[in-house]
Amino acid sequence: MEGPTHTSAPSAPSAPVLAAYSYCEAVTGSQARNFAYGIRLLPTDKRHAMSALYAFSRRVDDIGDGTLPPEAKLARLEETRALLGRVIEGAVDEDDTDPVAVALAHAARRFPIPLGGLDELIDGVLMDVRGESYETWDDLKTYCRCVAGAIGRLSLGVFGTAPGAPDSGRAGEYADTLGLALQLTNILRDVREDADNGRTYLPAEDLAKFGCSDGFRSDRAPAGSDFPGLVHHEVRRARALFVEGYRLLPMLDRRSGACVAAMAGIYRRLLDRIEREPEAVLRGRVSLPPHEKAYVAVRGLSGLDARTISRQSTRRRP
């Protein structure tokens, strides 16, 4: 899908648009603390746009995770897809009663956001509603590209690339890969919560390899399994995705790079904790204390992560 025409130097948002953005920021702050922490590092217009993307994405996720019967969820998702179509067609006015639609429509006029990525997100949540499972990593990767890789590409539409950034033609690929890294980390962190909701995301062939095919409905690993081995296997996969996806950082301006480095850095540290104590994910959600998040943000603002990745990328080139 094509997005609405965007402008590079728009006038100040109207009062209804600012109110819509305030609503989206409130949703983001209450529902996604890690995400909200990262986008605080952005200038106001980009932070507004990212909050609009999050609020729409959250609406889609909440439908998939809610308690409605599957048929009702399918209907709600199609209604949301129709709303997205209105945004894409430029048919949402500033006085529309849906603040998320108003904010998203304004953001799409301001930035070249590939709104078709939100269509992909809806497709991914439809996979959840239909109860799909994944035999191989390639199967799971298709799902992750819908629900997370697409978000990476949408975010890149807001960030843009820095003028003269080398290899910037691959920025979308790296943003997509970084989204996969974040999603796989999420899957590891939420393995118990997902199991309680009747969902298994980790590839069936991996579960079988490590004796975990019986699932994770207890705070203890399945009897006779090598649960730490399974976790370490998936951690290595996520780390490889982070290494590739982090090559996006040197292509971004300082504040956009800081935002991405902060969000990705938080998840990398979550991955470190999960690796150190794999069975912790069976007992509850692993998280970082505020002081550690602040440290990650300082690293991002200093440009340290971007410079490190840039040096690594240079060394890899023939």
Foldseek 3Di string as FASTA:
>chain_A
DFADAADADDDDDDPLLVVLLVVLLVCCVVPPVLLNLLLVLDPDLLSSQLSLVVSLLVVLVCLLVDDDQLVVSVVVLVVSVVLLVCLRVVNDDSPDPNSSSNSNSNSVRHWRFRSCLVVLLSVLSNCSSVQDEAADVVRLLSSLLNNFLSSLSRSCRSFPFDPPQPPCVCLSVLSSLLRSLLVLLVCLQQQQVQVVVVHDHPHCVLCVVFVQNVGQPALDGPPPGPQLVSLVVSLVVSVVSCLSSLLNLLGTPLSSSLSSQLSSVQSNVSSVVCNVPVSVSSVHGDGDDPVVSVVSSVCSNVCVSVVVSVVVVVVPDD
